[in-house]
Amino acid sequence: MSIDKETIKHISKLARISLDDKKIDNLSKDLSSIIKFIEKLSKLNTDDIKPLTSIIEASLKFRKDKILDGKIRDQILKNSPEKNEEFFVVPKVVE
């Protein structure tokens, strides 16, 4: 399947972008080669292929979820222009 110039013009009109003739020619060639490659890939037999999340045969290691506060609250609040006990004070944004 090849993409002709009229299809590119139609797509650009739908996308509301302007293209000159040189760009239309380039896009037509590029999209046609992409479609040909996709058609080539769709002919491959992938029935016995398992889906991969990574190319490495490794599983994720589990860890215990621990809640840590980092004990740096004072250092963080030191950067605040205004604070109220243990919290940042910010301007009201809802009217």
PDB file of N, CA and C in Angstrom:
ATOM      1  N   MET A   1       0.848  -1.182   0.000  1.00  0.00           N
ATOM      2  CA  MET A   1       0.000   0.000   0.000  1.00  0.00           C
ATOM      3  C   MET A   1       0.887   1.237   0.000  1.00  0.00           C
ATOM      4  N   SER A   2       0.629   2.141  -0.894  1.00  0.00           N
ATOM      5  CA  SER A   2       1.387   3.388  -0.895  1.00  0.00           C
ATOM      6  C   SER A   2       0.445   4.548  -0.597  1.00  0.00           C
ATOM      7  N   ILE A   3       1.011   5.565  -0.034  1.00  0.00           N
ATOM      8  CA  ILE A   3       0.234   6.748   0.323  1.00  0.00           C
ATOM      9  C   ILE A   3       0.521   7.803  -0.738  1.00  0.00           C
ATOM     10  N   ASP A   4      -0.525   8.245  -1.407  1.00  0.00           N
ATOM     11  CA  ASP A   4      -0.331   9.233  -2.472  1.00  0.00           C
ATOM     12  C   ASP A   4      -0.439  10.659  -1.911  1.00  0.00           C
ATOM     13  N   LYS A   5      -0.177  11.612  -2.760  1.00  0.00           N
ATOM     14  CA  LYS A   5      -0.160  13.020  -2.349  1.00  0.00           C
ATOM     15  C   LYS A   5      -1.541  13.502  -1.905  1.00  0.00           C
ATOM     16  N   GLU A   6      -2.581  12.992  -2.547  1.00  0.00           N
ATOM     17  CA  GLU A   6      -3.938  13.417  -2.181  1.00  0.00           C
ATOM     18  C   GLU A   6      -4.286  12.965  -0.765  1.00  0.00           C
ATOM     19  N   THR A   7      -3.830  11.780  -0.391  1.00  0.00           N
ATOM     20  CA  THR A   7      -4.076  11.297   0.969  1.00  0.00           C
ATOM     21  C   THR A   7      -3.339  12.163   1.982  1.00  0.00           C
ATOM     22  N   ILE A   8      -2.106  12.528   1.659  1.00  0.00           N
ATOM     23  CA  ILE A   8      -1.333  13.408   2.545  1.00  0.00           C
ATOM     24  C   ILE A   8      -2.022  14.763   2.682  1.00  0.00           C
ATOM     25  N   LYS A   9      -2.515  15.315   1.574  1.00  0.00           N
ATOM     26  CA  LYS A   9      -3.222  16.601   1.635  1.00  0.00           C
ATOM     27  C   LYS A   9      -4.477  16.487   2.490  1.00  0.00           C
ATOM     28  N   HIS A  10      -5.190  15.369   2.353  1.00  0.00           N
ATOM     29  CA  HIS A  10      -6.404  15.161   3.136  1.00  0.00           C
ATOM     30  C   HIS A  10      -6.075  15.054   4.631  1.00  0.00           C
ATOM     31  N   ILE A  11      -5.029  14.305   4.958  1.00  0.00           N
ATOM     32  CA  ILE A  11      -4.617  14.154   6.357  1.00  0.00           C
ATOM     33  C   ILE A  11      -4.164  15.496   6.930  1.00  0.00           C
ATOM     34  N   SER A  12      -3.414  16.258   6.148  1.00  0.00           N
ATOM     35  CA  SER A  12      -2.953  17.559   6.643  1.00  0.00           C
ATOM     36  C   SER A  12      -4.122  18.518   6.849  1.00  0.00           C
ATOM     37  N   LYS A  13      -5.141  18.399   6.000  1.00  0.00           N
ATOM     38  CA  LYS A  13      -6.336  19.236   6.182  1.00  0.00           C
ATOM     39  C   LYS A  13      -7.061  18.842   7.457  1.00  0.00           C
ATOM     40  N   LEU A  14      -7.180  17.530   7.710  1.00  0.00           N
ATOM     41  CA  LEU A  14      -7.841  17.066   8.935  1.00  0.00           C
ATOM     42  C   LEU A  14      -7.050  17.475  10.181  1.00  0.00           C
ATOM     43  N   ALA A  15      -5.718  17.447  10.073  1.00  0.00           N
ATOM     44  CA  ALA A  15      -4.866  17.812  11.198  1.00  0.00           C
ATOM     45  C   ALA A  15      -4.685  19.320  11.304  1.00  0.00           C
ATOM     46  N   ARG A  16      -5.176  20.030  10.316  1.00  0.00           N
ATOM     47  CA  ARG A  16      -5.086  21.495  10.267  1.00  0.00           C
ATOM     48  C   ARG A  16      -3.639  21.981  10.314  1.00  0.00           C
ATOM     49  N   ILE A  17      -2.824  21.343   9.463  1.00  0.00           N
ATOM     50  CA  ILE A  17      -1.446  21.788   9.296  1.00  0.00           C
ATOM     51  C   ILE A  17      -1.226  22.106   7.826  1.00  0.00           C
ATOM     52  N   SER A  18      -0.378  23.049   7.580  1.00  0.00           N
ATOM     53  CA  SER A  18      -0.107  23.410   6.187  1.00  0.00           C
ATOM     54  C   SER A  18       1.214  22.771   5.752  1.00  0.00           C
ATOM     55  N   LEU A  19       1.211  22.247   4.541  1.00  0.00           N
ATOM     56  CA  LEU A  19       2.389  21.600   3.988  1.00  0.00           C
ATOM     57  C   LEU A  19       2.637  22.123   2.582  1.00  0.00           C
ATOM     58  N   ASP A  20       3.903  22.344   2.276  1.00  0.00           N
ATOM     59  CA  ASP A  20       4.224  22.711   0.900  1.00  0.00           C
ATOM     60  C   ASP A  20       4.457  21.429   0.088  1.00  0.00           C
ATOM     61  N   ASP A  21       4.612  21.586  -1.218  1.00  0.00           N
ATOM     62  CA  ASP A  21       4.719  20.425  -2.105  1.00  0.00           C
ATOM     63  C   ASP A  21       5.930  19.555  -1.794  1.00  0.00           C
ATOM     64  N   LYS A  22       7.042  20.165  -1.398  1.00  0.00           N
ATOM     65  CA  LYS A  22       8.243  19.386  -1.084  1.00  0.00           C
ATOM     66  C   LYS A  22       8.004  18.496   0.136  1.00  0.00           C
ATOM     67  N   LYS A  23       7.357  19.065   1.153  1.00  0.00           N
ATOM     68  CA  LYS A  23       7.062  18.277   2.352  1.00  0.00           C
ATOM     69  C   LYS A  23       6.053  17.175   2.046  1.00  0.00           C
ATOM     70  N   ILE A  24       5.101  17.463   1.183  1.00  0.00           N
ATOM     71  CA  ILE A  24       4.109  16.451   0.805  1.00  0.00           C
ATOM     72  C   ILE A  24       4.797  15.281   0.122  1.00  0.00           C
ATOM     73  N   ASP A  25       5.745  15.556  -0.784  1.00  0.00           N
ATOM     74  CA  ASP A  25       6.488  14.487  -1.454  1.00  0.00           C
ATOM     75  C   ASP A  25       7.270  13.649  -0.450  1.00  0.00           C
ATOM     76  N   ASN A  26       7.972  14.333   0.454  1.00  0.00           N
ATOM     77  CA  ASN A  26       8.762  13.613   1.454  1.00  0.00           C
ATOM     78  C   ASN A  26       7.885  12.773   2.377  1.00  0.00           C
ATOM     79  N   LEU A  27       6.781  13.339   2.833  1.00  0.00           N
ATOM     80  CA  LEU A  27       5.874  12.603   3.704  1.00  0.00           C
ATOM     81  C   LEU A  27       5.254  11.414   2.986  1.00  0.00           C
ATOM     82  N   SER A  28       4.925  11.585   1.742  1.00  0.00           N
ATOM     83  CA  SER A  28       4.349  10.494   0.969  1.00  0.00           C
ATOM     84  C   SER A  28       5.321   9.321   0.888  1.00  0.00           C
ATOM     85  N   LYS A  29       6.584   9.610   0.604  1.00  0.00           N
ATOM     86  CA  LYS A  29       7.603   8.555   0.534  1.00  0.00           C
ATOM     87  C   LYS A  29       7.825   7.911   1.899  1.00  0.00           C
ATOM     88  N   ASP A  30       7.948   8.736   2.923  1.00  0.00           N
ATOM     89  CA  ASP A  30       8.212   8.216   4.264  1.00  0.00           C
ATOM     90  C   ASP A  30       7.064   7.348   4.775  1.00  0.00           C
ATOM     91  N   LEU A  31       5.842   7.848   4.646  1.00  0.00           N
ATOM     92  CA  LEU A  31       4.701   7.081   5.138  1.00  0.00           C
ATOM     93  C   LEU A  31       4.499   5.798   4.340  1.00  0.00           C
ATOM     94  N   SER A  32       4.771   5.836   3.055  1.00  0.00           N
ATOM     95  CA  SER A  32       4.662   4.619   2.243  1.00  0.00           C
ATOM     96  C   SER A  32       5.670   3.572   2.694  1.00  0.00           C
ATOM     97  N   SER A  33       6.892   3.992   2.976  1.00  0.00           N
ATOM     98  CA  SER A  33       7.891   3.028   3.441  1.00  0.00           C
ATOM     99  C   SER A  33       7.541   2.485   4.824  1.00  0.00           C
ATOM    100  N   ILE A  34       6.957   3.308   5.683  1.00  0.00           N
ATOM    101  CA  ILE A  34       6.532   2.846   7.004  1.00  0.00           C
ATOM    102  C   ILE A  34       5.416   1.822   6.868  1.00  0.00           C
ATOM    103  N   ILE A  35       4.440   2.097   6.014  1.00  0.00           N
ATOM    104  CA  ILE A  35       3.328   1.166   5.815  1.00  0.00           C
ATOM    105  C   ILE A  35       3.832  -0.153   5.237  1.00  0.00           C
ATOM    106  N   LYS A  36       4.766  -0.091   4.298  1.00  0.00           N
ATOM    107  CA  LYS A  36       5.331  -1.325   3.725  1.00  0.00           C
ATOM    108  C   LYS A  36       6.043  -2.144   4.796  1.00  0.00           C
ATOM    109  N   PHE A  37       6.774  -1.472   5.679  1.00  0.00           N
ATOM    110  CA  PHE A  37       7.466  -2.178   6.745  1.00  0.00           C
ATOM    111  C   PHE A  37       6.469  -2.817   7.707  1.00  0.00           C
ATOM    112  N   ILE A  38       5.390  -2.123   8.029  1.00  0.00           N
ATOM    113  CA  ILE A  38       4.359  -2.677   8.913  1.00  0.00           C
ATOM    114  C   ILE A  38       3.704  -3.885   8.262  1.00  0.00           C
ATOM    115  N   GLU A  39       3.438  -3.818   6.964  1.00  0.00           N
ATOM    116  CA  GLU A  39       2.876  -4.964   6.260  1.00  0.00           C
ATOM    117  C   GLU A  39       3.833  -6.148   6.287  1.00  0.00           C
ATOM    118  N   LYS A  40       5.117  -5.876   6.164  1.00  0.00           N
ATOM    119  CA  LYS A  40       6.125  -6.936   6.222  1.00  0.00           C
ATOM    120  C   LYS A  40       6.142  -7.570   7.613  1.00  0.00           C
ATOM    121  N   LEU A  41       6.049  -6.744   8.656  1.00  0.00           N
ATOM    122  CA  LEU A  41       6.033  -7.264  10.024  1.00  0.00           C
ATOM    123  C   LEU A  41       4.776  -8.080  10.312  1.00  0.00           C
ATOM    124  N   SER A  42       3.662  -7.678   9.742  1.00  0.00           N
ATOM    125  CA  SER A  42       2.410  -8.386  10.014  1.00  0.00           C
ATOM    126  C   SER A  42       2.385  -9.781   9.400  1.00  0.00           C
ATOM    127  N   LYS A  43       3.271 -10.049   8.445  1.00  0.00           N
ATOM    128  CA  LYS A  43       3.340 -11.376   7.837  1.00  0.00           C
ATOM    129  C   LYS A  43       4.146 -12.367   8.669  1.00  0.00           C
ATOM    130  N   LEU A  44       4.890 -11.879   9.656  1.00  0.00           N
ATOM    131  CA  LEU A  44       5.701 -12.761  10.487  1.00  0.00           C
ATOM    132  C   LEU A  44       4.837 -13.633  11.380  1.00  0.00           C
ATOM    133  N   ASN A  45       5.259 -14.875  11.554  1.00  0.00           N
ATOM    134  CA  ASN A  45       4.552 -15.797  12.436  1.00  0.00           C
ATOM    135  C   ASN A  45       5.099 -15.625  13.849  1.00  0.00           C
ATOM    136  N   THR A  46       4.282 -15.117  14.741  1.00  0.00           N
ATOM    137  CA  THR A  46       4.698 -14.883  16.122  1.00  0.00           C
ATOM    138  C   THR A  46       3.892 -15.727  17.102  1.00  0.00           C
ATOM    139  N   ASP A  47       3.341 -16.855  16.641  1.00  0.00           N
ATOM    140  CA  ASP A  47       2.490 -17.681  17.499  1.00  0.00           C
ATOM    141  C   ASP A  47       3.253 -18.264  18.694  1.00  0.00           C
ATOM    142  N   ASP A  48       4.490 -18.693  18.485  1.00  0.00           N
ATOM    143  CA  ASP A  48       5.254 -19.327  19.558  1.00  0.00           C
ATOM    144  C   ASP A  48       6.146 -18.356  20.323  1.00  0.00           C
ATOM    145  N   ILE A  49       5.986 -17.078  20.104  1.00  0.00           N
ATOM    146  CA  ILE A  49       6.807 -16.075  20.757  1.00  0.00           C
ATOM    147  C   ILE A  49       6.086 -15.543  21.992  1.00  0.00           C
ATOM    148  N   LYS A  50       6.770 -15.610  23.132  1.00  0.00           N
ATOM    149  CA  LYS A  50       6.182 -15.089  24.364  1.00  0.00           C
ATOM    150  C   LYS A  50       6.433 -13.578  24.437  1.00  0.00           C
ATOM    151  N   PRO A  51       5.469 -12.835  24.939  1.00  0.00           N
ATOM    152  CA  PRO A  51       5.679 -11.393  25.097  1.00  0.00           C
ATOM    153  C   PRO A  51       6.775 -11.118  26.131  1.00  0.00           C
ATOM    154  N   LEU A  52       7.566 -10.094  25.871  1.00  0.00           N
ATOM    155  CA  LEU A  52       8.661  -9.745  26.767  1.00  0.00           C
ATOM    156  C   LEU A  52       8.433  -8.373  27.381  1.00  0.00           C
ATOM    157  N   THR A  53       8.846  -8.245  28.620  1.00  0.00           N
ATOM    158  CA  THR A  53       8.906  -6.919  29.217  1.00  0.00           C
ATOM    159  C   THR A  53      10.327  -6.401  29.196  1.00  0.00           C
ATOM    160  N   SER A  54      11.267  -7.322  28.993  1.00  0.00           N
ATOM    161  CA  SER A  54      12.678  -6.964  28.925  1.00  0.00           C
ATOM    162  C   SER A  54      13.407  -8.052  28.149  1.00  0.00           C
ATOM    163  N   ILE A  55      14.559  -7.726  27.598  1.00  0.00           N
ATOM    164  CA  ILE A  55      15.320  -8.742  26.889  1.00  0.00           C
ATOM    165  C   ILE A  55      16.111  -9.621  27.845  1.00  0.00           C
ATOM    166  N   ILE A  56      16.190  -9.226  29.103  1.00  0.00           N
ATOM    167  CA  ILE A  56      16.918  -9.984  30.114  1.00  0.00           C
ATOM    168  C   ILE A  56      15.946 -10.919  30.821  1.00  0.00           C
ATOM    169  N   GLU A  57      16.332 -12.166  30.954  1.00  0.00           N
ATOM    170  CA  GLU A  57      15.504 -13.141  31.664  1.00  0.00           C
ATOM    171  C   GLU A  57      15.701 -12.984  33.169  1.00  0.00           C
ATOM    172  N   ALA A  58      15.105 -11.978  33.736  1.00  0.00           N
ATOM    173  CA  ALA A  58      15.218 -11.743  35.165  1.00  0.00           C
ATOM    174  C   ALA A  58      13.857 -11.321  35.702  1.00  0.00           C
ATOM    175  N   SER A  59      13.597 -11.726  36.933  1.00  0.00           N
ATOM    176  CA  SER A  59      12.341 -11.316  37.553  1.00  0.00           C
ATOM    177  C   SER A  59      12.631 -10.216  38.570  1.00  0.00           C
ATOM    178  N   LEU A  60      11.625  -9.474  38.897  1.00  0.00           N
ATOM    179  CA  LEU A  60      11.780  -8.395  39.861  1.00  0.00           C
ATOM    180  C   LEU A  60      11.908  -8.965  41.265  1.00  0.00           C
ATOM    181  N   LYS A  61      12.756  -8.368  42.050  1.00  0.00           N
ATOM    182  CA  LYS A  61      12.942  -8.817  43.424  1.00  0.00           C
ATOM    183  C   LYS A  61      11.979  -8.048  44.322  1.00  0.00           C
ATOM    184  N   PHE A  62      11.330  -8.790  45.205  1.00  0.00           N
ATOM    185  CA  PHE A  62      10.387  -8.166  46.119  1.00  0.00           C
ATOM    186  C   PHE A  62      11.148  -7.593  47.307  1.00  0.00           C
ATOM    187  N   ARG A  63      10.615  -6.536  47.855  1.00  0.00           N
ATOM    188  CA  ARG A  63      11.171  -5.945  49.053  1.00  0.00           C
ATOM    189  C   ARG A  63      10.029  -5.551  49.970  1.00  0.00           C
ATOM    190  N   LYS A  64      10.337  -5.415  51.222  1.00  0.00           N
ATOM    191  CA  LYS A  64       9.315  -5.000  52.178  1.00  0.00           C
ATOM    192  C   LYS A  64       9.082  -3.508  52.014  1.00  0.00           C
ATOM    193  N   ASP A  65       7.831  -3.110  52.113  1.00  0.00           N
ATOM    194  CA  ASP A  65       7.505  -1.694  52.066  1.00  0.00           C
ATOM    195  C   ASP A  65       7.684  -1.102  53.458  1.00  0.00           C
ATOM    196  N   LYS A  66       8.621  -0.190  53.569  1.00  0.00           N
ATOM    197  CA  LYS A  66       8.876   0.475  54.835  1.00  0.00           C
ATOM    198  C   LYS A  66       8.614   1.964  54.657  1.00  0.00           C
ATOM    199  N   ILE A  67       7.906   2.518  55.589  1.00  0.00           N
ATOM    200  CA  ILE A  67       7.633   3.955  55.550  1.00  0.00           C
ATOM    201  C   ILE A  67       8.732   4.657  56.327  1.00  0.00           C
ATOM    202  N   LEU A  68       9.469   5.473  55.620  1.00  0.00           N
ATOM    203  CA  LEU A  68      10.552   6.227  56.237  1.00  0.00           C
ATOM    204  C   LEU A  68      10.319   7.710  55.976  1.00  0.00           C
ATOM    205  N   ASP A  69      10.448   8.514  57.004  1.00  0.00           N
ATOM    206  CA  ASP A  69      10.252   9.948  56.790  1.00  0.00           C
ATOM    207  C   ASP A  69      11.548  10.630  56.387  1.00  0.00           C
ATOM    208  N   GLY A  70      12.651   9.954  56.453  1.00  0.00           N
ATOM    209  CA  GLY A  70      13.918  10.529  56.040  1.00  0.00           C
ATOM    210  C   GLY A  70      14.580  11.386  57.099  1.00  0.00           C
ATOM    211  N   LYS A  71      13.808  11.790  58.102  1.00  0.00           N
ATOM    212  CA  LYS A  71      14.304  12.612  59.201  1.00  0.00           C
ATOM    213  C   LYS A  71      15.023  13.875  58.713  1.00  0.00           C
ATOM    214  N   ILE A  72      14.471  14.491  57.676  1.00  0.00           N
ATOM    215  CA  ILE A  72      15.064  15.731  57.157  1.00  0.00           C
ATOM    216  C   ILE A  72      14.014  16.846  57.066  1.00  0.00           C
ATOM    217  N   ARG A  73      12.964  16.746  57.875  1.00  0.00           N
ATOM    218  CA  ARG A  73      11.891  17.733  57.831  1.00  0.00           C
ATOM    219  C   ARG A  73      12.414  19.147  58.064  1.00  0.00           C
ATOM    220  N   ASP A  74      13.301  19.301  59.033  1.00  0.00           N
ATOM    221  CA  ASP A  74      13.836  20.639  59.332  1.00  0.00           C
ATOM    222  C   ASP A  74      14.618  21.199  58.156  1.00  0.00           C
ATOM    223  N   GLN A  75      15.376  20.366  57.472  1.00  0.00           N
ATOM    224  CA  GLN A  75      16.140  20.823  56.311  1.00  0.00           C
ATOM    225  C   GLN A  75      15.209  21.255  55.183  1.00  0.00           C
ATOM    226  N   ILE A  76      14.118  20.533  55.008  1.00  0.00           N
ATOM    227  CA  ILE A  76      13.158  20.872  53.952  1.00  0.00           C
ATOM    228  C   ILE A  76      12.437  22.175  54.291  1.00  0.00           C
ATOM    229  N   LEU A  77      11.967  22.298  55.531  1.00  0.00           N
ATOM    230  CA  LEU A  77      11.244  23.509  55.932  1.00  0.00           C
ATOM    231  C   LEU A  77      12.143  24.730  55.964  1.00  0.00           C
ATOM    232  N   LYS A  78      13.441  24.542  56.062  1.00  0.00           N
ATOM    233  CA  LYS A  78      14.379  25.649  56.061  1.00  0.00           C
ATOM    234  C   LYS A  78      14.318  26.410  54.724  1.00  0.00           C
ATOM    235  N   ASN A  79      13.949  25.723  53.635  1.00  0.00           N
ATOM    236  CA  ASN A  79      13.871  26.344  52.313  1.00  0.00           C
ATOM    237  C   ASN A  79      12.569  27.116  52.088  1.00  0.00           C
ATOM    238  N   SER A  80      11.629  26.986  52.993  1.00  0.00           N
ATOM    239  CA  SER A  80      10.332  27.630  52.825  1.00  0.00           C
ATOM    240  C   SER A  80      10.388  29.097  53.228  1.00  0.00           C
ATOM    241  N   PRO A  81       9.791  29.986  52.408  1.00  0.00           N
ATOM    242  CA  PRO A  81       9.760  31.398  52.800  1.00  0.00           C
ATOM    243  C   PRO A  81       8.881  31.637  54.028  1.00  0.00           C
ATOM    244  N   GLU A  82       7.863  30.790  54.205  1.00  0.00           N
ATOM    245  CA  GLU A  82       6.974  30.925  55.363  1.00  0.00           C
ATOM    246  C   GLU A  82       6.512  29.537  55.771  1.00  0.00           C
ATOM    247  N   LYS A  83       6.519  29.270  57.068  1.00  0.00           N
ATOM    248  CA  LYS A  83       6.090  27.958  57.545  1.00  0.00           C
ATOM    249  C   LYS A  83       5.230  28.117  58.779  1.00  0.00           C
ATOM    250  N   ASN A  84       4.437  27.089  59.070  1.00  0.00           N
ATOM    251  CA  ASN A  84       3.577  27.046  60.229  1.00  0.00           C
ATOM    252  C   ASN A  84       3.824  25.703  60.904  1.00  0.00           C
ATOM    253  N   GLU A  85       4.565  25.697  61.966  1.00  0.00           N
ATOM    254  CA  GLU A  85       4.987  24.491  62.678  1.00  0.00           C
ATOM    255  C   GLU A  85       5.693  23.529  61.722  1.00  0.00           C
ATOM    256  N   GLU A  86       5.007  22.488  61.267  1.00  0.00           N
ATOM    257  CA  GLU A  86       5.646  21.472  60.424  1.00  0.00           C
ATOM    258  C   GLU A  86       5.188  21.534  58.966  1.00  0.00           C
ATOM    259  N   PHE A  87       4.564  22.629  58.548  1.00  0.00           N
ATOM    260  CA  PHE A  87       3.978  22.688  57.218  1.00  0.00           C
ATOM    261  C   PHE A  87       4.411  23.943  56.473  1.00  0.00           C
ATOM    262  N   PHE A  88       4.392  23.852  55.134  1.00  0.00           N
ATOM    263  CA  PHE A  88       4.609  25.013  54.288  1.00  0.00           C
ATOM    264  C   PHE A  88       3.351  25.880  54.298  1.00  0.00           C
ATOM    265  N   VAL A  89       3.513  27.180  54.258  1.00  0.00           N
ATOM    266  CA  VAL A  89       2.395  28.104  54.117  1.00  0.00           C
ATOM    267  C   VAL A  89       2.439  28.625  52.680  1.00  0.00           C
ATOM    268  N   VAL A  90       1.324  28.432  51.967  1.00  0.00           N
ATOM    269  CA  VAL A  90       1.264  28.870  50.574  1.00  0.00           C
ATOM    270  C   VAL A  90       0.089  29.831  50.399  1.00  0.00           C
ATOM    271  N   PRO A  91       0.142  30.702  49.390  1.00  0.00           N
ATOM    272  CA  PRO A  91      -0.973  31.620  49.167  1.00  0.00           C
ATOM    273  C   PRO A  91      -2.235  30.871  48.742  1.00  0.00           C
ATOM    274  N   LYS A  92      -3.366  31.444  49.087  1.00  0.00           N
ATOM    275  CA  LYS A  92      -4.641  30.851  48.711  1.00  0.00           C
ATOM    276  C   LYS A  92      -4.823  31.008  47.197  1.00  0.00           C
ATOM    277  N   VAL A  93      -5.195  29.910  46.517  1.00  0.00           N
ATOM    278  CA  VAL A  93      -5.348  29.957  45.062  1.00  0.00           C
ATOM    279  C   VAL A  93      -6.789  29.793  44.633  1.00  0.00           C
ATOM    280  N   VAL A  94      -7.693  29.433  45.532  1.00  0.00           N
ATOM    281  CA  VAL A  94      -9.101  29.255  45.207  1.00  0.00           C
ATOM    282  C   VAL A  94      -9.861  30.481  45.717  1.00  0.00           C
ATOM    283  N   GLU A  95     -10.664  31.056  44.863  1.00  0.00           N
ATOM    284  CA  GLU A  95     -11.418  32.231  45.293  1.00  0.00           C
ATOM    285  C   GLU A  95     -12.857  31.886  45.546  1.00  0.00           C
TER     286      GLU A  95
END
